[in-house]
């Protein structure tokens, strides 16, 4: 969720969402349709969707209580045209069922951490400021980054850093974390960032990204189970979509994009019987078709305004 910031009341929250025009075009919004924004955030996408509805409805979902307060305020002008629900987007099927909705015409998911969450130091997402280790997108979640760092085994930490952060120094970093916490509990983002930095060889720290970037990403993904929910959510959304309905998903790193790409490909595949079979016995039929074969990325103009959009990829699929 790479977005520009704007203040609502005393809360500074993202305003200009990434790939906005591309998302709106991809969703092919009908004035009387029912749409879901599963990651409402600062209501940037949601507001533009709602503007295009007349007799339709927008369901704006977010798990972050701060985001929900902002969404309610920014979408208040649309009245009953909008329903705001605090939930994880993985619960989209039950959210729709609770509202008596059986079919939707489109769903948007803007995956990853929001700019607001990154920029709010006390949330503990960033290695750029000192705060308590937290990293929860939903404060109701009992698991925090402090728990991961101080209670997980060395092998488990190593695996998380390697798989979710694609960190090649995962073994060294995990070992350093264990040694540090044997002396005292690791409590803050600054402490953790320094431990990670010290574990990486000096030459590998030269230039490029902050040495703690990959590890912080990995721990955040673990805390929020970010990757685990993507595939089942896409499959649930596919079931909810009416024929011709669209699904638009923005990812910000290769792990997310790979899951989206593979799940779309699976749902777009028909018969899986061996080639030598004379007739199909599996009965599989394609459920969706990709709207764009290659992911859509931000153009030069958007990147000049919003550098955080540089890693964004948008994939769109249509229900058959």
C-alpha atoms as a PDB file:
ATOM      1  CA  UNK A   1       0.000   0.000   0.000  1.00  0.00           C
ATOM      2  CA  UNK A   2       2.227   2.820  -1.192  1.00  0.00           C
ATOM      3  CA  UNK A   3       0.250   6.013  -0.870  1.00  0.00           C
ATOM      4  CA  UNK A   4       0.754   9.725  -0.328  1.00  0.00           C
ATOM      5  CA  UNK A   5      -0.299  11.237   2.980  1.00  0.00           C
ATOM      6  CA  UNK A   6      -3.085  13.587   4.038  1.00  0.00           C
ATOM      7  CA  UNK A   7      -4.388  14.558   7.453  1.00  0.00           C
ATOM      8  CA  UNK A   8      -7.835  13.539   8.671  1.00  0.00           C
ATOM      9  CA  UNK A   9      -8.533  15.111  12.040  1.00  0.00           C
ATOM     10  CA  UNK A  10      -5.367  14.409  14.022  1.00  0.00           C
ATOM     11  CA  UNK A  11      -4.510  11.362  11.948  1.00  0.00           C
ATOM     12  CA  UNK A  12      -2.177  11.599   8.970  1.00  0.00           C
ATOM     13  CA  UNK A  13      -3.221   8.911   6.544  1.00  0.00           C
ATOM     14  CA  UNK A  14      -2.454   8.013   2.963  1.00  0.00           C
ATOM     15  CA  UNK A  15      -4.515   9.746   0.321  1.00  0.00           C
ATOM     16  CA  UNK A  16      -3.305   9.118  -3.241  1.00  0.00           C
ATOM     17  CA  UNK A  17      -3.294   5.342  -3.673  1.00  0.00           C
ATOM     18  CA  UNK A  18      -0.923   3.517  -5.974  1.00  0.00           C
ATOM     19  CA  UNK A  19      -2.052   2.626  -9.519  1.00  0.00           C
ATOM     20  CA  UNK A  20      -5.405   4.320  -8.911  1.00  0.00           C
ATOM     21  CA  UNK A  21      -6.501   4.842 -12.515  1.00  0.00           C
ATOM     22  CA  UNK A  22      -5.304   1.390 -13.502  1.00  0.00           C
ATOM     23  CA  UNK A  23      -7.311  -0.204 -10.680  1.00  0.00           C
ATOM     24  CA  UNK A  24     -10.474   1.705 -11.556  1.00  0.00           C
ATOM     25  CA  UNK A  25     -10.139   0.770 -15.232  1.00  0.00           C
ATOM     26  CA  UNK A  26      -9.373  -2.835 -14.331  1.00  0.00           C
ATOM     27  CA  UNK A  27     -12.424  -3.197 -12.094  1.00  0.00           C
ATOM     28  CA  UNK A  28     -14.652  -1.927 -14.919  1.00  0.00           C
ATOM     29  CA  UNK A  29     -17.052  -0.406 -12.374  1.00  0.00           C
ATOM     30  CA  UNK A  30     -20.787  -0.541 -13.035  1.00  0.00           C
ATOM     31  CA  UNK A  31     -22.919   2.142 -11.331  1.00  0.00           C
ATOM     32  CA  UNK A  32     -25.276  -0.479  -9.859  1.00  0.00           C
ATOM     33  CA  UNK A  33     -22.589  -3.037  -8.979  1.00  0.00           C
ATOM     34  CA  UNK A  34     -21.415  -4.342  -5.617  1.00  0.00           C
ATOM     35  CA  UNK A  35     -17.696  -3.910  -4.924  1.00  0.00           C
ATOM     36  CA  UNK A  36     -15.312  -4.826  -2.138  1.00  0.00           C
ATOM     37  CA  UNK A  37     -12.167  -2.959  -1.158  1.00  0.00           C
ATOM     38  CA  UNK A  38     -10.544  -5.535   1.091  1.00  0.00           C
ATOM     39  CA  UNK A  39      -7.715  -3.235   2.165  1.00  0.00           C
ATOM     40  CA  UNK A  40      -9.415   0.141   2.519  1.00  0.00           C
ATOM     41  CA  UNK A  41      -6.464   1.845   4.267  1.00  0.00           C
ATOM     42  CA  UNK A  42      -6.752   5.600   3.761  1.00  0.00           C
ATOM     43  CA  UNK A  43      -9.885   5.167   1.614  1.00  0.00           C
ATOM     44  CA  UNK A  44      -8.088   6.389  -1.503  1.00  0.00           C
ATOM     45  CA  UNK A  45      -9.257   3.573  -3.765  1.00  0.00           C
ATOM     46  CA  UNK A  46     -12.545   3.218  -1.870  1.00  0.00           C
ATOM     47  CA  UNK A  47     -13.556   6.830  -2.343  1.00  0.00           C
ATOM     48  CA  UNK A  48     -12.998   6.728  -6.087  1.00  0.00           C
ATOM     49  CA  UNK A  49     -14.955   3.482  -6.385  1.00  0.00           C
ATOM     50  CA  UNK A  50     -17.833   4.934  -4.341  1.00  0.00           C
ATOM     51  CA  UNK A  51     -17.925   8.048  -6.560  1.00  0.00           C
ATOM     52  CA  UNK A  52     -18.689   5.838  -9.541  1.00  0.00           C
ATOM     53  CA  UNK A  53     -21.646   4.089  -7.922  1.00  0.00           C
ATOM     54  CA  UNK A  54     -25.278   5.196  -8.139  1.00  0.00           C
ATOM     55  CA  UNK A  55     -27.473   2.340  -6.996  1.00  0.00           C
ATOM     56  CA  UNK A  56     -24.533   0.091  -6.182  1.00  0.00           C
ATOM     57  CA  UNK A  57     -22.678  -0.633  -2.950  1.00  0.00           C
ATOM     58  CA  UNK A  58     -19.094  -0.586  -1.722  1.00  0.00           C
ATOM     59  CA  UNK A  59     -17.951  -2.779   1.160  1.00  0.00           C
ATOM     60  CA  UNK A  60     -14.798  -1.237   2.642  1.00  0.00           C
ATOM     61  CA  UNK A  61     -12.828  -3.690   4.797  1.00  0.00           C
ATOM     62  CA  UNK A  62      -9.722  -3.132   6.900  1.00  0.00           C
ATOM     63  CA  UNK A  63      -8.280  -4.866   9.964  1.00  0.00           C
ATOM     64  CA  UNK A  64      -6.567  -1.735  11.325  1.00  0.00           C
ATOM     65  CA  UNK A  65      -8.767   0.196  13.760  1.00  0.00           C
ATOM     66  CA  UNK A  66      -7.062   3.498  12.866  1.00  0.00           C
ATOM     67  CA  UNK A  67      -7.789   2.880   9.191  1.00  0.00           C
ATOM     68  CA  UNK A  68     -11.423   2.095   9.967  1.00  0.00           C
ATOM     69  CA  UNK A  69     -11.871   5.443  11.728  1.00  0.00           C
ATOM     70  CA  UNK A  70     -10.394   7.259   8.733  1.00  0.00           C
ATOM     71  CA  UNK A  71     -12.437   5.269   6.209  1.00  0.00           C
ATOM     72  CA  UNK A  72     -15.690   6.009   8.052  1.00  0.00           C
ATOM     73  CA  UNK A  73     -14.915   9.728   8.068  1.00  0.00           C
ATOM     74  CA  UNK A  74     -13.793   9.946   4.452  1.00  0.00           C
ATOM     75  CA  UNK A  75     -16.662   7.867   3.084  1.00  0.00           C
ATOM     76  CA  UNK A  76     -19.416   9.375   5.260  1.00  0.00           C
ATOM     77  CA  UNK A  77     -20.640  11.510   2.341  1.00  0.00           C
ATOM     78  CA  UNK A  78     -21.754   8.367   0.483  1.00  0.00           C
ATOM     79  CA  UNK A  79     -24.203   7.271   3.179  1.00  0.00           C
ATOM     80  CA  UNK A  80     -25.805   3.860   2.672  1.00  0.00           C
ATOM     81  CA  UNK A  81     -23.869   3.362  -0.541  1.00  0.00           C
ATOM     82  CA  UNK A  82     -20.932   2.237   1.638  1.00  0.00           C
ATOM     83  CA  UNK A  83     -20.573  -0.377   4.375  1.00  0.00           C
ATOM     84  CA  UNK A  84     -17.409  -0.182   6.494  1.00  0.00           C
ATOM     85  CA  UNK A  85     -16.327  -3.390   8.232  1.00  0.00           C
ATOM     86  CA  UNK A  86     -13.345  -4.040  10.493  1.00  0.00           C
ATOM     87  CA  UNK A  87     -12.051  -7.436   9.449  1.00  0.00           C
ATOM     88  CA  UNK A  88      -9.207  -9.154   7.638  1.00  0.00           C
ATOM     89  CA  UNK A  89      -9.777  -9.410   3.886  1.00  0.00           C
ATOM     90  CA  UNK A  90      -9.439 -13.176   4.274  1.00  0.00           C
ATOM     91  CA  UNK A  91     -12.908 -13.064   5.854  1.00  0.00           C
ATOM     92  CA  UNK A  92     -14.489 -11.529   2.746  1.00  0.00           C
ATOM     93  CA  UNK A  93     -16.931 -14.445   2.290  1.00  0.00           C
ATOM     94  CA  UNK A  94     -18.288 -14.200   5.842  1.00  0.00           C
ATOM     95  CA  UNK A  95     -18.396 -10.381   5.686  1.00  0.00           C
ATOM     96  CA  UNK A  96     -20.507 -10.530   2.529  1.00  0.00           C
ATOM     97  CA  UNK A  97     -22.723 -13.255   4.026  1.00  0.00           C
ATOM     98  CA  UNK A  98     -23.326 -11.114   7.129  1.00  0.00           C
ATOM     99  CA  UNK A  99     -24.552  -8.320   4.834  1.00  0.00           C
ATOM    100  CA  UNK A 100     -26.805 -10.677   2.878  1.00  0.00           C
ATOM    101  CA  UNK A 101     -24.681 -10.406  -0.250  1.00  0.00           C
ATOM    102  CA  UNK A 102     -24.289 -13.521  -2.394  1.00  0.00           C
ATOM    103  CA  UNK A 103     -22.527 -12.040  -5.434  1.00  0.00           C
ATOM    104  CA  UNK A 104     -20.138  -9.152  -6.008  1.00  0.00           C
ATOM    105  CA  UNK A 105     -19.023  -7.416  -9.193  1.00  0.00           C
ATOM    106  CA  UNK A 106     -15.480  -6.666  -8.177  1.00  0.00           C
ATOM    107  CA  UNK A 107     -12.880  -6.857  -5.436  1.00  0.00           C
ATOM    108  CA  UNK A 108      -9.665  -4.909  -4.890  1.00  0.00           C
ATOM    109  CA  UNK A 109      -6.793  -6.017  -2.656  1.00  0.00           C
ATOM    110  CA  UNK A 110      -3.823  -3.700  -2.044  1.00  0.00           C
ATOM    111  CA  UNK A 111      -1.466  -6.046  -0.218  1.00  0.00           C
ATOM    112  CA  UNK A 112       1.290  -5.371   2.282  1.00  0.00           C
ATOM    113  CA  UNK A 113       1.905  -2.722   4.892  1.00  0.00           C
ATOM    114  CA  UNK A 114       0.384   0.748   4.428  1.00  0.00           C
ATOM    115  CA  UNK A 115       2.415   3.953   4.279  1.00  0.00           C
ATOM    116  CA  UNK A 116       0.592   5.110   7.404  1.00  0.00           C
ATOM    117  CA  UNK A 117       1.642   2.006   9.314  1.00  0.00           C
ATOM    118  CA  UNK A 118       5.256   2.403   8.195  1.00  0.00           C
ATOM    119  CA  UNK A 119       5.345   6.098   8.991  1.00  0.00           C
ATOM    120  CA  UNK A 120       3.740   5.787  12.449  1.00  0.00           C
ATOM    121  CA  UNK A 121       6.843   5.082  14.538  1.00  0.00           C
ATOM    122  CA  UNK A 122       5.002   3.625  17.520  1.00  0.00           C
ATOM    123  CA  UNK A 123       3.551   0.841  15.376  1.00  0.00           C
ATOM    124  CA  UNK A 124       7.029  -0.705  15.314  1.00  0.00           C
ATOM    125  CA  UNK A 125       7.129  -1.502  11.585  1.00  0.00           C
ATOM    126  CA  UNK A 126      10.115   0.630  10.657  1.00  0.00           C
ATOM    127  CA  UNK A 127      13.845   0.228  11.187  1.00  0.00           C
ATOM    128  CA  UNK A 128      14.182   3.975  10.566  1.00  0.00           C
ATOM    129  CA  UNK A 129      12.808   5.031  13.976  1.00  0.00           C
ATOM    130  CA  UNK A 130      12.984   3.671  17.504  1.00  0.00           C
ATOM    131  CA  UNK A 131       9.843   2.110  18.959  1.00  0.00           C
ATOM    132  CA  UNK A 132       8.617  -0.974  20.754  1.00  0.00           C
ATOM    133  CA  UNK A 133       8.735  -4.085  18.578  1.00  0.00           C
ATOM    134  CA  UNK A 134       5.130  -4.608  17.491  1.00  0.00           C
ATOM    135  CA  UNK A 135       4.386  -4.767  13.727  1.00  0.00           C
ATOM    136  CA  UNK A 136       0.737  -5.792  14.144  1.00  0.00           C
ATOM    137  CA  UNK A 137      -1.651  -4.579  11.470  1.00  0.00           C
ATOM    138  CA  UNK A 138      -4.500  -5.624  13.759  1.00  0.00           C
ATOM    139  CA  UNK A 139      -3.951  -4.790  17.434  1.00  0.00           C
ATOM    140  CA  UNK A 140      -6.252  -7.681  18.363  1.00  0.00           C
ATOM    141  CA  UNK A 141      -3.582 -10.081  17.132  1.00  0.00           C
ATOM    142  CA  UNK A 142      -1.749 -11.552  20.182  1.00  0.00           C
ATOM    143  CA  UNK A 143       1.456 -12.200  18.224  1.00  0.00           C
ATOM    144  CA  UNK A 144       3.952  -9.317  18.085  1.00  0.00           C
ATOM    145  CA  UNK A 145       7.413  -8.876  16.593  1.00  0.00           C
ATOM    146  CA  UNK A 146       8.789  -8.876  20.147  1.00  0.00           C
ATOM    147  CA  UNK A 147       7.397 -12.392  20.638  1.00  0.00           C
ATOM    148  CA  UNK A 148       8.899 -13.621  17.368  1.00  0.00           C
ATOM    149  CA  UNK A 149      12.334 -12.194  18.131  1.00  0.00           C
ATOM    150  CA  UNK A 150      12.494 -13.237  21.785  1.00  0.00           C
ATOM    151  CA  UNK A 151      10.642 -16.559  21.857  1.00  0.00           C
ATOM    152  CA  UNK A 152      11.048 -18.289  18.484  1.00  0.00           C
ATOM    153  CA  UNK A 153      13.846 -20.832  18.108  1.00  0.00           C
ATOM    154  CA  UNK A 154      16.989 -19.954  16.170  1.00  0.00           C
ATOM    155  CA  UNK A 155      16.035 -22.369  13.394  1.00  0.00           C
ATOM    156  CA  UNK A 156      12.553 -20.891  13.076  1.00  0.00           C
ATOM    157  CA  UNK A 157      13.864 -17.316  12.956  1.00  0.00           C
ATOM    158  CA  UNK A 158      16.410 -18.337  10.326  1.00  0.00           C
ATOM    159  CA  UNK A 159      13.669 -19.948   8.214  1.00  0.00           C
ATOM    160  CA  UNK A 160      11.408 -16.870   8.447  1.00  0.00           C
ATOM    161  CA  UNK A 161      14.226 -14.500   7.449  1.00  0.00           C
ATOM    162  CA  UNK A 162      15.234 -16.710   4.537  1.00  0.00           C
ATOM    163  CA  UNK A 163      11.766 -17.540   3.191  1.00  0.00           C
ATOM    164  CA  UNK A 164       9.899 -14.287   3.844  1.00  0.00           C
ATOM    165  CA  UNK A 165      12.799 -11.841   3.566  1.00  0.00           C
ATOM    166  CA  UNK A 166      14.907 -13.730   1.020  1.00  0.00           C
ATOM    167  CA  UNK A 167      17.787 -12.773   3.313  1.00  0.00           C
ATOM    168  CA  UNK A 168      21.011 -14.578   2.388  1.00  0.00           C
ATOM    169  CA  UNK A 169      22.538 -13.825   5.798  1.00  0.00           C
ATOM    170  CA  UNK A 170      19.580 -15.357   7.635  1.00  0.00           C
ATOM    171  CA  UNK A 171      21.733 -17.844   9.583  1.00  0.00           C
ATOM    172  CA  UNK A 172      24.117 -15.158  10.846  1.00  0.00           C
ATOM    173  CA  UNK A 173      21.266 -12.815  11.782  1.00  0.00           C
ATOM    174  CA  UNK A 174      19.317 -15.532  13.616  1.00  0.00           C
ATOM    175  CA  UNK A 175      22.430 -16.493  15.558  1.00  0.00           C
ATOM    176  CA  UNK A 176      23.067 -12.854  16.516  1.00  0.00           C
ATOM    177  CA  UNK A 177      19.469 -12.443  17.689  1.00  0.00           C
ATOM    178  CA  UNK A 178      19.777 -15.505  19.926  1.00  0.00           C
ATOM    179  CA  UNK A 179      23.068 -14.276  21.445  1.00  0.00           C
ATOM    180  CA  UNK A 180      21.643 -10.818  22.071  1.00  0.00           C
ATOM    181  CA  UNK A 181      18.447 -12.017  23.735  1.00  0.00           C
ATOM    182  CA  UNK A 182      20.415 -14.307  26.063  1.00  0.00           C
ATOM    183  CA  UNK A 183      21.819 -11.131  27.638  1.00  0.00           C
ATOM    184  CA  UNK A 184      18.544  -9.173  27.686  1.00  0.00           C
ATOM    185  CA  UNK A 185      15.148  -9.107  25.995  1.00  0.00           C
ATOM    186  CA  UNK A 186      15.165  -7.353  22.623  1.00  0.00           C
ATOM    187  CA  UNK A 187      12.540  -4.641  23.072  1.00  0.00           C
ATOM    188  CA  UNK A 188      12.875  -1.999  20.377  1.00  0.00           C
ATOM    189  CA  UNK A 189      13.153  -1.608  16.624  1.00  0.00           C
ATOM    190  CA  UNK A 190      16.466   0.238  17.021  1.00  0.00           C
ATOM    191  CA  UNK A 191      17.944  -2.634  19.058  1.00  0.00           C
ATOM    192  CA  UNK A 192      16.844  -5.196  16.488  1.00  0.00           C
ATOM    193  CA  UNK A 193      18.069  -3.116  13.540  1.00  0.00           C
ATOM    194  CA  UNK A 194      21.513  -2.765  15.155  1.00  0.00           C
ATOM    195  CA  UNK A 195      21.721  -6.518  15.876  1.00  0.00           C
ATOM    196  CA  UNK A 196      20.858  -7.280  12.242  1.00  0.00           C
ATOM    197  CA  UNK A 197      23.331  -4.707  10.938  1.00  0.00           C
ATOM    198  CA  UNK A 198      26.159  -6.125  13.071  1.00  0.00           C
ATOM    199  CA  UNK A 199      25.474  -9.645  11.759  1.00  0.00           C
ATOM    200  CA  UNK A 200      25.914  -8.669   8.109  1.00  0.00           C
ATOM    201  CA  UNK A 201      29.471  -8.424   6.704  1.00  0.00           C
ATOM    202  CA  UNK A 202      30.603  -4.786   6.211  1.00  0.00           C
ATOM    203  CA  UNK A 203      31.041  -5.208   2.438  1.00  0.00           C
ATOM    204  CA  UNK A 204      27.457  -6.455   2.095  1.00  0.00           C
ATOM    205  CA  UNK A 205      26.226  -3.334   3.900  1.00  0.00           C
ATOM    206  CA  UNK A 206      27.677  -0.946   1.324  1.00  0.00           C
ATOM    207  CA  UNK A 207      25.100   0.890  -0.789  1.00  0.00           C
ATOM    208  CA  UNK A 208      21.643  -0.415  -1.609  1.00  0.00           C
ATOM    209  CA  UNK A 209      18.923  -0.966   0.967  1.00  0.00           C
ATOM    210  CA  UNK A 210      19.152  -0.636   4.733  1.00  0.00           C
ATOM    211  CA  UNK A 211      20.675  -3.891   6.087  1.00  0.00           C
ATOM    212  CA  UNK A 212      17.591  -4.524   8.251  1.00  0.00           C
ATOM    213  CA  UNK A 213      15.031  -4.083   5.450  1.00  0.00           C
ATOM    214  CA  UNK A 214      14.641  -7.730   4.467  1.00  0.00           C
ATOM    215  CA  UNK A 215      14.566  -9.000   8.044  1.00  0.00           C
ATOM    216  CA  UNK A 216      11.957  -6.465   9.143  1.00  0.00           C
ATOM    217  CA  UNK A 217       9.820  -7.416   6.146  1.00  0.00           C
ATOM    218  CA  UNK A 218      10.128 -11.095   7.043  1.00  0.00           C
ATOM    219  CA  UNK A 219       9.175 -10.605  10.696  1.00  0.00           C
ATOM    220  CA  UNK A 220       6.235  -8.387   9.720  1.00  0.00           C
ATOM    221  CA  UNK A 221       4.955 -11.046   7.312  1.00  0.00           C
ATOM    222  CA  UNK A 222       5.199 -13.678  10.046  1.00  0.00           C
ATOM    223  CA  UNK A 223       3.400 -11.523  12.633  1.00  0.00           C
ATOM    224  CA  UNK A 224       0.494 -10.785  10.285  1.00  0.00           C
ATOM    225  CA  UNK A 225       0.358 -14.132   8.400  1.00  0.00           C
ATOM    226  CA  UNK A 226       0.394 -12.035   5.245  1.00  0.00           C
ATOM    227  CA  UNK A 227       1.283 -14.709   2.708  1.00  0.00           C
ATOM    228  CA  UNK A 228      -0.851 -17.483   4.176  1.00  0.00           C
ATOM    229  CA  UNK A 229      -4.134 -15.711   3.441  1.00  0.00           C
ATOM    230  CA  UNK A 230      -3.544 -14.668  -0.170  1.00  0.00           C
ATOM    231  CA  UNK A 231      -4.402 -17.874  -2.049  1.00  0.00           C
ATOM    232  CA  UNK A 232      -7.496 -18.835   0.000  1.00  0.00           C
ATOM    233  CA  UNK A 233      -8.778 -15.256  -0.266  1.00  0.00           C
ATOM    234  CA  UNK A 234      -8.399 -15.262  -4.053  1.00  0.00           C
ATOM    235  CA  UNK A 235     -10.280 -18.573  -4.248  1.00  0.00           C
ATOM    236  CA  UNK A 236     -13.063 -17.277  -1.972  1.00  0.00           C
ATOM    237  CA  UNK A 237     -13.283 -14.057  -3.997  1.00  0.00           C
ATOM    238  CA  UNK A 238     -13.562 -16.051  -7.213  1.00  0.00           C
ATOM    239  CA  UNK A 239     -16.545 -17.901  -5.765  1.00  0.00           C
ATOM    240  CA  UNK A 240     -18.194 -14.611  -4.785  1.00  0.00           C
ATOM    241  CA  UNK A 241     -17.705 -12.883  -8.123  1.00  0.00           C
ATOM    242  CA  UNK A 242     -20.607 -12.737 -10.551  1.00  0.00           C
ATOM    243  CA  UNK A 243     -19.791 -13.761 -14.147  1.00  0.00           C
ATOM    244  CA  UNK A 244     -17.855 -10.890 -15.707  1.00  0.00           C
ATOM    245  CA  UNK A 245     -16.829  -9.604 -12.272  1.00  0.00           C
ATOM    246  CA  UNK A 246     -13.242  -8.451 -11.820  1.00  0.00           C
ATOM    247  CA  UNK A 247     -10.536  -9.080  -9.244  1.00  0.00           C
ATOM    248  CA  UNK A 248      -7.660  -6.548  -9.004  1.00  0.00           C
ATOM    249  CA  UNK A 249      -4.687  -7.286  -6.750  1.00  0.00           C
ATOM    250  CA  UNK A 250      -1.689  -5.048  -6.067  1.00  0.00           C
ATOM    251  CA  UNK A 251       1.473  -6.621  -4.684  1.00  0.00           C
ATOM    252  CA  UNK A 252       4.685  -5.021  -3.463  1.00  0.00           C
ATOM    253  CA  UNK A 253       7.221  -7.832  -3.423  1.00  0.00           C
ATOM    254  CA  UNK A 254       7.988 -10.982  -5.364  1.00  0.00           C
ATOM    255  CA  UNK A 255       6.628 -13.406  -2.749  1.00  0.00           C
ATOM    256  CA  UNK A 256       3.140 -11.863  -2.891  1.00  0.00           C
ATOM    257  CA  UNK A 257       3.189 -11.525  -6.664  1.00  0.00           C
ATOM    258  CA  UNK A 258       4.245 -15.145  -7.143  1.00  0.00           C
ATOM    259  CA  UNK A 259       1.293 -16.396  -5.090  1.00  0.00           C
ATOM    260  CA  UNK A 260      -1.167 -14.177  -6.981  1.00  0.00           C
ATOM    261  CA  UNK A 261       0.268 -15.206 -10.357  1.00  0.00           C
ATOM    262  CA  UNK A 262       0.212 -18.921  -9.545  1.00  0.00           C
ATOM    263  CA  UNK A 263      -3.296 -18.837  -8.047  1.00  0.00           C
ATOM    264  CA  UNK A 264      -4.657 -16.932 -11.042  1.00  0.00           C
ATOM    265  CA  UNK A 265      -2.984 -19.487 -13.348  1.00  0.00           C
ATOM    266  CA  UNK A 266      -4.496 -22.379 -11.409  1.00  0.00           C
ATOM    267  CA  UNK A 267      -8.000 -20.889 -11.548  1.00  0.00           C
ATOM    268  CA  UNK A 268      -7.600 -20.136 -15.267  1.00  0.00           C
ATOM    269  CA  UNK A 269      -6.619 -23.733 -16.075  1.00  0.00           C
ATOM    270  CA  UNK A 270      -9.182 -26.128 -17.493  1.00  0.00           C
ATOM    271  CA  UNK A 271      -8.682 -29.860 -17.934  1.00  0.00           C
ATOM    272  CA  UNK A 272      -5.703 -31.290 -16.035  1.00  0.00           C
ATOM    273  CA  UNK A 273      -5.989 -34.844 -17.349  1.00  0.00           C
ATOM    274  CA  UNK A 274      -2.857 -36.448 -18.832  1.00  0.00           C
ATOM    275  CA  UNK A 275      -2.499 -35.790 -22.586  1.00  0.00           C
ATOM    276  CA  UNK A 276      -2.839 -39.448 -23.424  1.00  0.00           C
ATOM    277  CA  UNK A 277      -6.409 -39.567 -22.042  1.00  0.00           C
ATOM    278  CA  UNK A 278      -8.871 -39.711 -24.978  1.00  0.00           C
ATOM    279  CA  UNK A 279     -11.508 -37.713 -23.061  1.00  0.00           C
ATOM    280  CA  UNK A 280     -11.526 -35.463 -20.016  1.00  0.00           C
ATOM    281  CA  UNK A 281     -12.362 -37.238 -16.777  1.00  0.00           C
ATOM    282  CA  UNK A 282     -11.346 -34.527 -14.288  1.00  0.00           C
ATOM    283  CA  UNK A 283     -14.172 -32.169 -15.241  1.00  0.00           C
ATOM    284  CA  UNK A 284     -12.083 -29.075 -14.477  1.00  0.00           C
ATOM    285  CA  UNK A 285     -13.079 -25.907 -16.285  1.00  0.00           C
ATOM    286  CA  UNK A 286     -11.426 -22.478 -16.207  1.00  0.00           C
ATOM    287  CA  UNK A 287     -13.031 -20.230 -13.582  1.00  0.00           C
ATOM    288  CA  UNK A 288     -11.313 -16.971 -14.463  1.00  0.00           C
ATOM    289  CA  UNK A 289      -9.336 -15.421 -17.280  1.00  0.00           C
ATOM    290  CA  UNK A 290      -6.448 -12.976 -16.825  1.00  0.00           C
ATOM    291  CA  UNK A 291      -7.207  -9.472 -18.070  1.00  0.00           C
ATOM    292  CA  UNK A 292      -3.524  -8.522 -18.261  1.00  0.00           C
ATOM    293  CA  UNK A 293      -0.930 -11.165 -19.133  1.00  0.00           C
ATOM    294  CA  UNK A 294       1.874  -9.146 -17.572  1.00  0.00           C
ATOM    295  CA  UNK A 295       1.544  -7.169 -14.337  1.00  0.00           C
ATOM    296  CA  UNK A 296       0.769  -3.465 -14.637  1.00  0.00           C
ATOM    297  CA  UNK A 297       3.359  -1.180 -13.023  1.00  0.00           C
ATOM    298  CA  UNK A 298       3.515   2.520 -12.216  1.00  0.00           C
ATOM    299  CA  UNK A 299       4.520   4.990 -14.899  1.00  0.00           C
ATOM    300  CA  UNK A 300       7.170   7.680 -14.691  1.00  0.00           C
ATOM    301  CA  UNK A 301       4.710  10.380 -13.629  1.00  0.00           C
ATOM    302  CA  UNK A 302       3.381   8.385 -10.680  1.00  0.00           C
ATOM    303  CA  UNK A 303       6.875   7.376  -9.563  1.00  0.00           C
ATOM    304  CA  UNK A 304       7.965  11.011  -9.494  1.00  0.00           C
ATOM    305  CA  UNK A 305       5.069  11.812  -7.159  1.00  0.00           C
ATOM    306  CA  UNK A 306       5.156   8.602  -5.139  1.00  0.00           C
ATOM    307  CA  UNK A 307       8.514   6.728  -5.126  1.00  0.00           C
ATOM    308  CA  UNK A 308       7.079   3.969  -2.900  1.00  0.00           C
ATOM    309  CA  UNK A 309       5.016   2.801  -5.881  1.00  0.00           C
ATOM    310  CA  UNK A 310       8.130   1.576  -7.723  1.00  0.00           C
ATOM    311  CA  UNK A 311       7.711  -2.044  -6.609  1.00  0.00           C
ATOM    312  CA  UNK A 312       3.936  -2.204  -7.111  1.00  0.00           C
ATOM    313  CA  UNK A 313       2.476  -4.768  -9.528  1.00  0.00           C
ATOM    314  CA  UNK A 314      -1.190  -5.000 -10.461  1.00  0.00           C
ATOM    315  CA  UNK A 315      -2.788  -8.195 -11.747  1.00  0.00           C
ATOM    316  CA  UNK A 316      -6.414  -8.354 -12.885  1.00  0.00           C
ATOM    317  CA  UNK A 317      -8.630 -11.358 -13.575  1.00  0.00           C
ATOM    318  CA  UNK A 318     -12.240 -11.717 -14.759  1.00  0.00           C
ATOM    319  CA  UNK A 319     -14.752 -14.353 -13.644  1.00  0.00           C
ATOM    320  CA  UNK A 320     -15.951 -16.596 -16.457  1.00  0.00           C
END
